[in-house]
Amino acid sequence: MSLYKKMLATGFIVIALVGCGEKEEEETKVLRSVRYTTIELQSPVEALSFTGDVRAANEPEVSFRVAGNIEKMKFKLGESVKKGDILATLDRSDYQIKVRKAESGYETARAKQIEAKSSYDRIKELYQNDSVSKSEFDGAKAKMDSTVAQLKVTNEEVKYAKSQLNYTILRAAISGTVAVKVSEVNENVVAGQSVYILNTDSDLEAVSFIPENVIGQIKVGKKVKVLVDALNKVYDGEVTEVATSSAQYGATFPVKVSVKGSGRDLRSGMSVVVNFNDKKINEKTKIFIPLNTVIKSNGETFVYIVEKTGEGVGIVKKVEIIVGDVTNEGLEVISGIKSGDELITAGMTKLSDGLEVKYN
């Protein structure tokens, strides 16, 4: 083989080797991996949401005003009642006897009063004719006055006995439903002992217990949202009472919220979530980012974002930022990045502006 041919063959081999090397280098090029999150505007305030339950604003415990044995209970748990309905009755026998005894005493006193007045009228006439002494006249008048007084006493005793008899009938003071049936038929109860607990589902409120560190942010008249998971509904509400003491509530303060337009679906005892700053939470105007994404170097404060250039790949961009306060939501960013930017949150070591990376 001539020298020229040998040199030509050698050149082809070198070119082929160089070409293979470049191709192999291209095939083995590895991109650094990063993770990112899309920046979104957030609320500038922390959510104030607390659990609670629905209660009737008016939930009286009804009881007899006299003692006795329960003879009848006319309503079951959950049944509706109207104001004035008879809820329960006691055995009336003893009280009827007391009424008859009082009436008998009144009739006796009335007879004595009539007799005493007749005697007084007769003696008065005689006294005016000087036929009897003044002492006899005074005695007749005193006896008549005594019988008049006794008649009044016995009349009051009749009224009292009848009122006690009437108290053996327990009536509903409000219209509503039976929330709790406390007593049972044939049970002996004392005056004031609960028999039923009623509630009015048309006048409901939510009661929530608020921690001491945020109770100062809640005022009477504050508009709120009341979420009822069981109904998948949100109701408007308004704070009506804020407790000033946490005694008996374990460092929390009970807050009452009236529920507007609750309707028949909402019932006493249902669990709720009360959002005390729902309106402000919906005002999303701030950007907050994790503290670990911020880098400080040579007097600069910056983050890295990724600008996507293809499926799973992008270019790193260094962005200088101005930051604000550290909050529970993260570090506030005043300027430098905007909603929609892709903030690199992991794999930030050894990154540089313009570096091509792969993301996930």
Protein backbone atom coordinates (compact mmCIF):
# COMPACT_ATOMS: atom_id res chain seq x y z
CA MET A 1 0.00 0.00 0.00
CA SER A 2 1.33 3.44 -0.97
CA LEU A 3 2.21 6.01 1.68
CA TYR A 4 -0.69 8.23 0.53
CA LYS A 5 -3.22 5.44 0.97
CA LYS A 6 -1.84 4.58 4.39
CA MET A 7 -2.19 8.18 5.57
CA LEU A 8 -5.73 8.42 4.17
CA ALA A 9 -6.80 5.25 5.95
CA THR A 10 -5.28 6.45 9.19
CA GLY A 11 -7.20 9.75 8.90
CA PHE A 12 -10.52 7.97 8.48
CA ILE A 13 -9.85 5.89 11.58
CA VAL A 14 -9.05 8.99 13.68
CA ILE A 15 -12.15 10.82 12.45
CA ALA A 16 -14.27 7.78 13.19
CA LEU A 17 -12.82 7.51 16.70
CA VAL A 18 -13.36 11.23 17.40
CA GLY A 19 -16.94 10.99 16.09
CA CYS A 20 -17.70 8.04 18.32
CA GLY A 21 -16.25 9.88 21.32
CA GLU A 22 -18.43 12.95 20.74
CA LYS A 23 -21.52 10.79 20.30
CA GLU A 24 -20.76 8.87 23.48
CA GLU A 25 -20.21 12.15 25.38
CA GLU A 26 -23.58 13.44 24.15
CA GLU A 27 -25.32 10.25 25.20
CA THR A 28 -23.79 10.35 28.72
CA LYS A 29 -24.67 14.01 29.47
CA VAL A 30 -26.58 14.08 32.84
CA LEU A 31 -28.87 16.96 33.91
CA ARG A 32 -29.23 17.94 37.56
CA SER A 33 -32.67 17.19 39.04
CA VAL A 34 -34.74 19.78 40.90
CA ARG A 35 -38.19 20.02 42.38
CA TYR A 36 -40.42 23.03 42.12
CA THR A 37 -43.76 24.47 43.22
CA THR A 38 -45.94 26.94 41.39
CA ILE A 39 -46.23 30.22 43.29
CA GLU A 40 -49.78 31.29 44.12
CA LEU A 41 -51.19 34.32 45.87
CA GLN A 42 -52.29 33.59 49.42
CA SER A 43 -54.33 35.25 52.15
CA PRO A 44 -52.39 37.69 54.32
CA VAL A 45 -54.13 36.41 57.46
CA GLU A 46 -54.10 33.13 59.30
CA ALA A 47 -57.31 31.13 59.26
CA LEU A 48 -59.39 31.36 62.41
CA SER A 49 -61.55 28.25 62.14
CA PHE A 50 -62.81 26.36 65.17
CA THR A 51 -65.16 23.46 65.71
CA GLY A 52 -68.38 23.76 67.67
CA ASP A 53 -71.91 22.47 67.80
CA VAL A 54 -75.42 23.72 67.15
CA ARG A 55 -77.64 24.51 70.09
CA ALA A 56 -81.04 26.04 70.53
CA ALA A 57 -80.75 29.65 71.64
CA ASN A 58 -83.71 28.95 73.91
CA GLU A 59 -83.42 25.50 75.48
CA PRO A 60 -85.42 25.46 78.72
CA GLU A 61 -85.56 22.58 81.17
CA VAL A 62 -89.22 22.12 82.04
CA SER A 63 -90.31 20.78 85.40
CA PHE A 64 -93.31 20.53 87.70
CA ARG A 65 -93.74 23.18 90.38
CA VAL A 66 -94.94 20.54 92.82
CA ALA A 67 -93.76 17.09 93.83
CA GLY A 68 -95.52 13.89 92.90
CA ASN A 69 -95.63 10.68 90.90
CA ILE A 70 -95.62 11.08 87.10
CA GLU A 71 -98.87 9.66 85.73
CA LYS A 72 -98.48 10.46 82.02
CA MET A 73 -95.78 11.70 79.63
CA LYS A 74 -97.33 12.65 76.34
CA PHE A 75 -94.32 13.34 74.08
CA LYS A 76 -91.37 11.26 72.92
CA LEU A 77 -87.83 12.33 72.11
CA GLY A 78 -87.68 14.46 68.96
CA GLU A 79 -91.43 15.10 68.74
CA SER A 80 -92.71 18.60 68.06
CA VAL A 81 -94.68 20.49 70.67
CA LYS A 82 -96.65 23.71 70.60
CA LYS A 83 -96.75 26.36 73.26
CA GLY A 84 -99.44 25.39 75.78
CA ASP A 85 -99.44 21.67 74.97
CA ILE A 86 -99.72 19.33 77.98
CA LEU A 87 -96.35 17.58 78.27
CA ALA A 88 -96.95 15.45 81.37
CA THR A 89 -99.22 15.07 84.41
CA LEU A 90 -98.78 13.99 88.01
CA ASP A 91 -101.11 11.84 90.10
CA ARG A 92 -103.66 14.46 91.24
CA SER A 93 -105.40 12.52 94.05
CA ASP A 94 -103.61 14.10 97.02
CA TYR A 95 -103.95 17.59 95.58
CA GLN A 96 -107.68 17.12 94.92
CA ILE A 97 -108.13 16.12 98.57
CA LYS A 98 -106.30 19.26 99.66
CA VAL A 99 -108.61 21.38 97.48
CA ARG A 100 -111.73 19.80 99.03
CA LYS A 101 -110.31 20.28 102.51
CA ALA A 102 -109.54 23.94 101.80
CA GLU A 103 -113.00 24.47 100.35
CA SER A 104 -114.56 22.87 103.45
CA GLY A 105 -112.57 25.17 105.68
CA TYR A 106 -113.70 28.13 103.65
CA GLU A 107 -117.38 27.13 103.97
CA THR A 108 -117.02 26.72 107.74
CA ALA A 109 -115.37 30.13 108.02
CA ARG A 110 -118.03 31.66 105.84
CA ALA A 111 -120.81 30.25 108.03
CA LYS A 112 -119.10 31.58 111.16
CA GLN A 113 -118.66 34.98 109.52
CA ILE A 114 -122.37 35.14 108.60
CA GLU A 115 -123.35 34.17 112.14
CA ALA A 116 -120.94 36.69 113.66
CA LYS A 117 -122.18 39.49 111.44
CA SER A 118 -125.80 38.73 112.27
CA SER A 119 -124.97 38.83 115.98
CA TYR A 120 -123.03 42.03 115.56
CA ASP A 121 -125.89 43.73 113.69
CA ARG A 122 -128.35 42.74 116.45
CA ILE A 123 -126.11 43.89 119.30
CA LYS A 124 -125.26 47.09 117.47
CA GLU A 125 -128.95 47.98 117.30
CA LEU A 126 -129.38 47.20 120.98
CA TYR A 127 -126.30 49.22 121.86
CA GLN A 128 -127.65 52.20 119.99
CA ASN A 129 -130.82 51.89 122.15
CA ASP A 130 -128.70 51.61 125.33
CA SER A 131 -129.99 48.07 125.83
CA VAL A 132 -126.51 46.43 126.01
CA SER A 133 -123.20 47.55 127.40
CA LYS A 134 -120.32 48.86 125.34
CA SER A 135 -118.23 45.84 126.28
CA GLU A 136 -120.82 43.51 124.76
CA PHE A 137 -120.89 45.62 121.62
CA ASP A 138 -117.07 45.63 121.37
CA GLY A 139 -117.00 41.86 121.85
CA ALA A 140 -119.50 41.30 119.03
CA LYS A 141 -117.52 43.59 116.72
CA ALA A 142 -114.23 41.85 117.52
CA LYS A 143 -115.75 38.45 116.86
CA MET A 144 -117.11 39.63 113.51
CA ASP A 145 -113.76 41.12 112.50
CA SER A 146 -112.06 37.87 113.44
CA THR A 147 -114.40 35.82 111.27
CA VAL A 148 -113.91 38.19 108.35
CA ALA A 149 -110.14 37.76 108.64
CA GLN A 150 -110.49 33.99 108.92
CA LEU A 151 -112.68 33.95 105.83
CA LYS A 152 -109.99 35.75 103.86
CA VAL A 153 -107.35 33.25 105.04
CA THR A 154 -109.44 30.24 104.07
CA ASN A 155 -110.22 31.84 100.72
CA GLU A 156 -106.47 32.16 100.06
CA GLU A 157 -105.99 28.55 101.12
CA VAL A 158 -108.53 27.47 98.51
CA LYS A 159 -106.74 29.48 95.83
CA TYR A 160 -103.39 27.98 96.85
CA ALA A 161 -104.74 24.42 96.87
CA LYS A 162 -106.26 24.89 93.42
CA SER A 163 -103.01 26.36 92.06
CA GLN A 164 -101.11 23.36 93.44
CA LEU A 165 -103.61 21.10 91.71
CA ASN A 166 -103.10 22.99 88.45
CA TYR A 167 -99.32 22.58 88.79
CA THR A 168 -99.76 18.82 88.43
CA ILE A 169 -100.23 19.55 84.72
CA LEU A 170 -96.99 20.44 82.92
CA ARG A 171 -97.43 22.60 79.82
CA ALA A 172 -94.93 23.67 77.14
CA ALA A 173 -93.77 27.25 77.60
CA ILE A 174 -92.48 27.41 74.02
CA SER A 175 -93.07 25.76 70.67
CA GLY A 176 -90.26 23.45 69.59
CA THR A 177 -89.11 19.85 69.86
CA VAL A 178 -88.27 17.49 72.70
CA ALA A 179 -84.47 17.57 72.93
CA VAL A 180 -84.14 15.38 76.03
CA LYS A 181 -86.66 13.25 77.89
CA VAL A 182 -85.28 13.29 81.42
CA SER A 183 -87.94 11.48 83.46
CA GLU A 184 -90.28 8.52 82.98
CA VAL A 185 -93.83 7.50 83.90
CA ASN A 186 -94.27 6.33 87.54
CA GLU A 187 -91.17 8.20 88.60
CA ASN A 188 -91.43 10.32 91.74
CA VAL A 189 -90.14 13.82 91.14
CA VAL A 190 -89.61 16.81 93.37
CA ALA A 191 -90.53 20.37 92.52
CA GLY A 192 -88.07 21.79 90.00
CA GLN A 193 -86.71 18.43 88.85
CA SER A 194 -86.28 18.35 85.06
CA VAL A 195 -88.80 16.29 83.15
CA TYR A 196 -88.11 17.43 79.57
CA ILE A 197 -85.58 19.67 77.84
CA LEU A 198 -87.09 21.48 74.86
CA ASN A 199 -85.48 23.42 72.08
CA THR A 200 -86.56 25.71 69.26
CA ASP A 201 -84.99 24.66 65.95
CA SER A 202 -86.15 27.93 64.43
CA ASP A 203 -83.79 29.91 66.66
CA LEU A 204 -80.40 28.17 66.56
CA GLU A 205 -76.88 29.21 67.45
CA ALA A 206 -73.42 27.71 67.12
CA VAL A 207 -71.22 27.54 70.21
CA SER A 208 -67.45 27.32 69.73
CA PHE A 209 -64.59 27.42 72.24
CA ILE A 210 -61.77 29.80 71.27
CA PRO A 211 -58.14 29.64 72.55
CA GLU A 212 -56.94 32.54 74.67
CA ASN A 213 -54.26 33.60 72.15
CA VAL A 214 -56.86 34.62 69.52
CA ILE A 215 -59.98 35.48 71.55
CA GLY A 216 -59.00 39.16 71.34
CA GLN A 217 -59.61 39.11 67.58
CA ILE A 218 -63.27 38.12 67.97
CA LYS A 219 -65.86 40.78 68.72
CA VAL A 220 -69.64 40.84 69.12
CA GLY A 221 -71.24 41.64 65.75
CA LYS A 222 -68.46 40.00 63.71
CA LYS A 223 -69.75 38.30 60.55
CA VAL A 224 -68.74 34.65 60.20
CA LYS A 225 -69.36 31.54 58.11
CA VAL A 226 -70.73 28.35 59.67
CA LEU A 227 -69.91 25.10 57.85
CA VAL A 228 -72.11 22.08 58.58
CA ASP A 229 -70.43 18.96 57.20
CA ALA A 230 -73.48 16.76 57.76
CA LEU A 231 -75.52 18.95 55.40
CA ASN A 232 -72.63 20.09 53.18
CA LYS A 233 -73.88 23.64 53.66
CA VAL A 234 -72.40 26.96 54.71
CA TYR A 235 -74.56 29.43 56.64
CA ASP A 236 -74.03 33.09 57.42
CA GLY A 237 -73.59 33.85 61.09
CA GLU A 238 -72.95 36.68 63.51
CA VAL A 239 -71.16 36.66 66.85
CA THR A 240 -73.69 37.42 69.61
CA GLU A 241 -71.74 36.63 72.78
CA VAL A 242 -68.03 36.49 73.68
CA ALA A 243 -67.17 35.15 77.13
CA THR A 244 -64.92 37.27 79.31
CA SER A 245 -63.78 34.38 81.48
CA SER A 246 -62.32 30.98 80.69
CA ALA A 247 -63.24 29.51 84.07
CA GLN A 248 -64.48 25.92 83.72
CA TYR A 249 -63.57 25.89 80.01
CA GLY A 250 -59.88 24.91 80.16
CA ALA A 251 -58.20 28.12 78.93
CA THR A 252 -60.75 28.55 76.15
CA PHE A 253 -63.56 31.07 75.85
CA PRO A 254 -67.07 30.10 74.67
CA VAL A 255 -68.36 32.20 71.79
CA LYS A 256 -71.98 32.13 70.60
CA VAL A 257 -72.88 32.71 66.95
CA SER A 258 -76.41 33.17 65.65
CA VAL A 259 -77.03 31.11 62.50
CA LYS A 260 -78.95 32.96 59.80
CA GLY A 261 -81.54 31.24 57.59
CA SER A 262 -80.88 27.83 59.09
CA GLY A 263 -84.17 26.22 58.00
CA ARG A 264 -85.50 22.85 59.14
CA ASP A 265 -82.44 20.83 58.02
CA LEU A 266 -80.17 22.27 60.69
CA ARG A 267 -80.74 20.67 64.06
CA SER A 268 -79.52 21.09 67.58
CA GLY A 269 -76.50 18.87 68.29
CA MET A 270 -74.96 18.97 64.80
CA SER A 271 -71.20 19.59 64.56
CA VAL A 272 -70.01 22.73 62.78
CA VAL A 273 -66.84 24.61 61.84
CA VAL A 274 -67.00 28.36 62.44
CA ASN A 275 -64.76 30.50 60.20
CA PHE A 276 -64.22 33.80 61.99
CA ASN A 277 -62.25 35.53 59.22
CA ASP A 278 -63.61 33.92 56.07
CA LYS A 279 -63.80 37.20 54.14
CA LYS A 280 -60.16 38.13 54.78
CA ILE A 281 -58.97 34.64 53.94
CA ASN A 282 -60.55 34.96 50.50
CA GLU A 283 -58.57 38.16 49.85
CA LYS A 284 -55.45 36.48 48.39
CA THR A 285 -52.92 39.23 47.83
CA LYS A 286 -49.61 38.02 49.28
CA ILE A 287 -46.84 35.62 48.30
CA PHE A 288 -45.31 33.34 50.93
CA ILE A 289 -42.46 30.90 50.25
CA PRO A 290 -40.64 28.26 52.35
CA LEU A 291 -37.64 29.63 54.25
CA ASN A 292 -35.35 26.92 52.92
CA THR A 293 -35.75 28.16 49.34
CA VAL A 294 -34.14 31.54 50.11
CA ILE A 295 -30.38 31.96 49.61
CA LYS A 296 -28.25 34.82 50.92
CA SER A 297 -24.82 35.39 49.38
CA ASN A 298 -22.58 38.43 48.89
CA GLY A 299 -25.25 40.77 50.22
CA GLU A 300 -27.92 39.40 47.88
CA THR A 301 -31.15 37.62 48.82
CA PHE A 302 -32.39 35.45 45.99
CA VAL A 303 -34.20 32.31 44.93
CA TYR A 304 -34.01 30.06 41.91
CA ILE A 305 -36.92 29.53 39.57
CA VAL A 306 -37.10 27.21 36.60
CA GLU A 307 -38.26 28.34 33.17
CA LYS A 308 -39.58 25.31 31.34
CA THR A 309 -38.13 24.67 27.91
CA GLY A 310 -39.53 21.25 27.22
CA GLU A 311 -41.08 18.15 28.72
CA GLY A 312 -39.32 17.68 32.05
CA VAL A 313 -36.47 20.11 31.33
CA GLY A 314 -35.88 23.79 31.91
CA ILE A 315 -33.41 26.55 32.56
CA VAL A 316 -32.52 27.83 36.03
CA LYS A 317 -33.02 31.55 36.60
CA LYS A 318 -31.62 33.37 39.61
CA VAL A 319 -34.05 36.01 40.90
CA GLU A 320 -33.23 38.59 43.56
CA ILE A 321 -36.11 39.21 45.98
CA ILE A 322 -37.14 41.61 48.73
CA VAL A 323 -38.65 39.85 51.73
CA GLY A 324 -40.98 40.85 54.54
CA ASP A 325 -42.06 39.10 57.73
CA VAL A 326 -41.83 35.46 58.66
CA THR A 327 -45.36 34.10 59.25
CA ASN A 328 -47.00 30.74 59.85
CA GLU A 329 -47.55 30.59 56.09
CA GLY A 330 -43.83 31.10 55.35
CA LEU A 331 -41.60 34.04 54.41
CA GLU A 332 -43.44 36.96 52.84
CA VAL A 333 -42.01 38.09 49.49
CA ILE A 334 -42.60 41.76 48.72
CA SER A 335 -41.09 41.81 45.22
CA GLY A 336 -38.98 39.82 42.77
CA ILE A 337 -41.26 36.90 41.99
CA LYS A 338 -44.89 36.69 40.99
CA SER A 339 -47.83 34.32 40.92
CA GLY A 340 -47.26 31.57 38.36
CA ASP A 341 -43.46 31.43 38.71
CA GLU A 342 -42.02 27.95 39.26
CA LEU A 343 -39.99 28.15 42.48
CA ILE A 344 -37.27 25.53 42.92
CA THR A 345 -37.74 23.93 46.35
CA ALA A 346 -35.29 20.99 46.27
CA GLY A 347 -32.02 20.24 44.52
CA MET A 348 -30.80 23.82 44.84
CA THR A 349 -27.20 22.98 45.74
CA LYS A 350 -24.66 23.90 43.07
CA LEU A 351 -27.25 25.58 40.88
CA SER A 352 -26.31 28.59 38.81
CA ASP A 353 -28.11 31.05 36.61
CA GLY A 354 -28.71 29.58 33.14
CA LEU A 355 -28.06 25.94 34.10
CA GLU A 356 -30.16 23.40 32.26
CA VAL A 357 -31.97 21.01 34.65
CA LYS A 358 -34.64 18.39 34.69
CA TYR A 359 -37.60 18.84 37.04
CA ASN A 360 -40.32 16.81 38.64
